[in-house]
Each structure stands twice: as C-alpha cells, then as structure tokens.
Amino acid sequence: MLSPNEEIDRALDILALPKLITKEDIKRQYHFLAKKNHPDIGGDALQMEQLNSAYTLLMKYIEEFRYTFDEEEVSKQFPGADHAKRYK
C-alpha cells in the first residue's frame, strides 16, 4: 500500500505535473491527456483509467487541503500516514 506522499507523487507523474500547481493546471493537463488517450478515439483504456484516478486524487486533495504537493505539506495534511513508520 502506498503512502499519501507516494500516491500523490504517482498521480503527478501520471499527469506529468510539477509539485507546485493550481487547480486549473490539473484540469488543463487532464483534458489534454484525456483527449489523446481516450479509448473512443483509439487510446488505451488502462491509461485512461490511470488518468482518471490521478485526476480524482489530485482534485480531492487540492479541494480539501492545499495547492502544493511537496512532501512536507502532504505529511502535515495526513499526519497519521507515517505514524507507524516513526516507531519501527
């Protein structure tokens, strides 16, 4: 299971986005990639599913928390995610 930091990093990689972005940047990049990869126009269904998941995750995070995805900020928003690792 991935940590919140790893999930967000993976989503950013899938959408080819940097860590400091706006909501509009996410939307714009998602729509650009969705047009290229949609199965109805010959794209890959798995790729589209990954794009949808990444978009949903980033939009949920950005609406509920912050506009930055650096590791320190994500750790502040999900404090319990690394709790078990600290005491190993």
C-alpha atoms as a PDB file:
ATOM      1  CA  MET A   1       0.000   0.000   0.000  1.00  0.00           C
ATOM      2  CA  LEU A   2       1.353   3.408  -0.947  1.00  0.00           C
ATOM      3  CA  SER A   3       1.672   6.283   1.485  1.00  0.00           C
ATOM      4  CA  PRO A   4      -0.223   9.509   0.694  1.00  0.00           C
ATOM      5  CA  ASN A   5       3.066  11.071  -0.486  1.00  0.00           C
ATOM      6  CA  GLU A   6       3.726   8.175  -2.837  1.00  0.00           C
ATOM      7  CA  GLU A   7       0.146   8.210  -4.164  1.00  0.00           C
ATOM      8  CA  ILE A   8       0.331  11.926  -4.893  1.00  0.00           C
ATOM      9  CA  ASP A   9       3.781  11.614  -6.498  1.00  0.00           C
ATOM     10  CA  ARG A  10       2.467   8.807  -8.686  1.00  0.00           C
ATOM     11  CA  ALA A  11      -0.596  10.870  -9.679  1.00  0.00           C
ATOM     12  CA  LEU A  12       1.610  13.845 -10.533  1.00  0.00           C
ATOM     13  CA  ASP A  13       3.840  11.579 -12.648  1.00  0.00           C
ATOM     14  CA  ILE A  14       0.852  10.115 -14.497  1.00  0.00           C
ATOM     15  CA  LEU A  15      -0.392  13.607 -15.357  1.00  0.00           C
ATOM     16  CA  ALA A  16       3.179  14.886 -15.937  1.00  0.00           C
ATOM     17  CA  LEU A  17       2.746  17.772 -13.486  1.00  0.00           C
ATOM     18  CA  PRO A  18       5.169  19.542 -11.121  1.00  0.00           C
ATOM     19  CA  LYS A  19       4.535  19.734  -7.377  1.00  0.00           C
ATOM     20  CA  LEU A  20       3.553  23.400  -7.291  1.00  0.00           C
ATOM     21  CA  ILE A  21       0.439  23.791  -9.445  1.00  0.00           C
ATOM     22  CA  THR A  22      -3.050  25.228  -9.467  1.00  0.00           C
ATOM     23  CA  LYS A  23      -6.402  23.558  -9.837  1.00  0.00           C
ATOM     24  CA  GLU A  24      -6.622  24.943 -13.371  1.00  0.00           C
ATOM     25  CA  ASP A  25      -3.244  23.388 -14.245  1.00  0.00           C
ATOM     26  CA  ILE A  26      -4.554  19.981 -13.182  1.00  0.00           C
ATOM     27  CA  LYS A  27      -7.760  20.392 -15.211  1.00  0.00           C
ATOM     28  CA  ARG A  28      -5.931  21.647 -18.291  1.00  0.00           C
ATOM     29  CA  GLN A  29      -3.377  18.824 -18.259  1.00  0.00           C
ATOM     30  CA  TYR A  30      -6.019  16.174 -17.584  1.00  0.00           C
ATOM     31  CA  HIS A  31      -8.168  17.340 -20.507  1.00  0.00           C
ATOM     32  CA  PHE A  32      -5.131  17.479 -22.795  1.00  0.00           C
ATOM     33  CA  LEU A  33      -4.070  13.920 -21.909  1.00  0.00           C
ATOM     34  CA  ALA A  34      -7.642  12.590 -21.918  1.00  0.00           C
ATOM     35  CA  LYS A  35      -8.155  13.795 -25.484  1.00  0.00           C
ATOM     36  CA  LYS A  36      -5.025  11.921 -26.561  1.00  0.00           C
ATOM     37  CA  ASN A  37      -5.705   8.712 -24.618  1.00  0.00           C
ATOM     38  CA  HIS A  38      -9.485   8.260 -24.684  1.00  0.00           C
ATOM     39  CA  PRO A  39     -10.469   4.729 -25.785  1.00  0.00           C
ATOM     40  CA  ASP A  40     -13.192   6.069 -28.093  1.00  0.00           C
ATOM     41  CA  ILE A  41     -10.526   7.617 -30.316  1.00  0.00           C
ATOM     42  CA  GLY A  42      -8.094   4.705 -30.209  1.00  0.00           C
ATOM     43  CA  GLY A  43      -6.434   5.339 -26.858  1.00  0.00           C
ATOM     44  CA  ASP A  44      -5.643   2.815 -24.165  1.00  0.00           C
ATOM     45  CA  ALA A  45      -8.402   2.070 -21.623  1.00  0.00           C
ATOM     46  CA  LEU A  46      -5.874   1.318 -18.854  1.00  0.00           C
ATOM     47  CA  GLN A  47      -4.066   4.601 -19.475  1.00  0.00           C
ATOM     48  CA  MET A  48      -7.382   6.457 -19.319  1.00  0.00           C
ATOM     49  CA  GLU A  49      -8.268   4.717 -16.062  1.00  0.00           C
ATOM     50  CA  GLN A  50      -4.930   5.829 -14.579  1.00  0.00           C
ATOM     51  CA  LEU A  51      -5.527   9.393 -15.750  1.00  0.00           C
ATOM     52  CA  ASN A  52      -8.992   9.399 -14.177  1.00  0.00           C
ATOM     53  CA  SER A  53      -7.670   8.050 -10.860  1.00  0.00           C
ATOM     54  CA  ALA A  54      -4.803  10.547 -10.774  1.00  0.00           C
ATOM     55  CA  TYR A  55      -7.126  13.438 -11.603  1.00  0.00           C
ATOM     56  CA  THR A  56      -9.639  12.416  -8.930  1.00  0.00           C
ATOM     57  CA  LEU A  57      -6.953  12.063  -6.260  1.00  0.00           C
ATOM     58  CA  LEU A  58      -5.282  15.400  -7.016  1.00  0.00           C
ATOM     59  CA  MET A  59      -8.554  17.308  -7.262  1.00  0.00           C
ATOM     60  CA  LYS A  60      -9.782  15.833  -3.976  1.00  0.00           C
ATOM     61  CA  TYR A  61      -6.544  16.771  -2.248  1.00  0.00           C
ATOM     62  CA  ILE A  62      -6.433  20.269  -3.707  1.00  0.00           C
ATOM     63  CA  GLU A  63     -10.070  20.999  -2.803  1.00  0.00           C
ATOM     64  CA  GLU A  64      -9.726  19.732   0.759  1.00  0.00           C
ATOM     65  CA  PHE A  65      -6.223  20.836   1.609  1.00  0.00           C
ATOM     66  CA  ARG A  66      -3.585  22.790  -0.318  1.00  0.00           C
ATOM     67  CA  TYR A  67      -2.240  23.809  -3.711  1.00  0.00           C
ATOM     68  CA  THR A  68       1.190  22.333  -3.187  1.00  0.00           C
ATOM     69  CA  PHE A  69       2.184  18.703  -3.298  1.00  0.00           C
ATOM     70  CA  ASP A  70       5.600  18.803  -1.670  1.00  0.00           C
ATOM     71  CA  GLU A  71       6.304  16.034   0.818  1.00  0.00           C
ATOM     72  CA  GLU A  72       6.293  18.239   3.914  1.00  0.00           C
ATOM     73  CA  GLU A  73       2.888  19.729   3.105  1.00  0.00           C
ATOM     74  CA  VAL A  74       1.335  16.341   2.353  1.00  0.00           C
ATOM     75  CA  SER A  75       2.696  14.979   5.650  1.00  0.00           C
ATOM     76  CA  LYS A  76       1.009  17.842   7.500  1.00  0.00           C
ATOM     77  CA  GLN A  77      -2.341  17.021   5.899  1.00  0.00           C
ATOM     78  CA  PHE A  78      -2.071  13.255   6.519  1.00  0.00           C
ATOM     79  CA  PRO A  79      -0.275  13.129   9.891  1.00  0.00           C
ATOM     80  CA  GLY A  80      -1.250   9.532  10.691  1.00  0.00           C
ATOM     81  CA  ALA A  81       0.099   8.104   7.456  1.00  0.00           C
ATOM     82  CA  ASP A  82       3.691   7.973   8.669  1.00  0.00           C
ATOM     83  CA  HIS A  83       2.852   7.326  12.309  1.00  0.00           C
ATOM     84  CA  ALA A  84       3.641   3.596  12.233  1.00  0.00           C
ATOM     85  CA  LYS A  85       6.929   4.173  10.381  1.00  0.00           C
ATOM     86  CA  ARG A  86       8.205   6.519  13.089  1.00  0.00           C
ATOM     87  CA  TYR A  87       8.031   3.824  15.763  1.00  0.00           C
ATOM     88  CA  LYS A  88       9.590   0.882  13.971  1.00  0.00           C
END
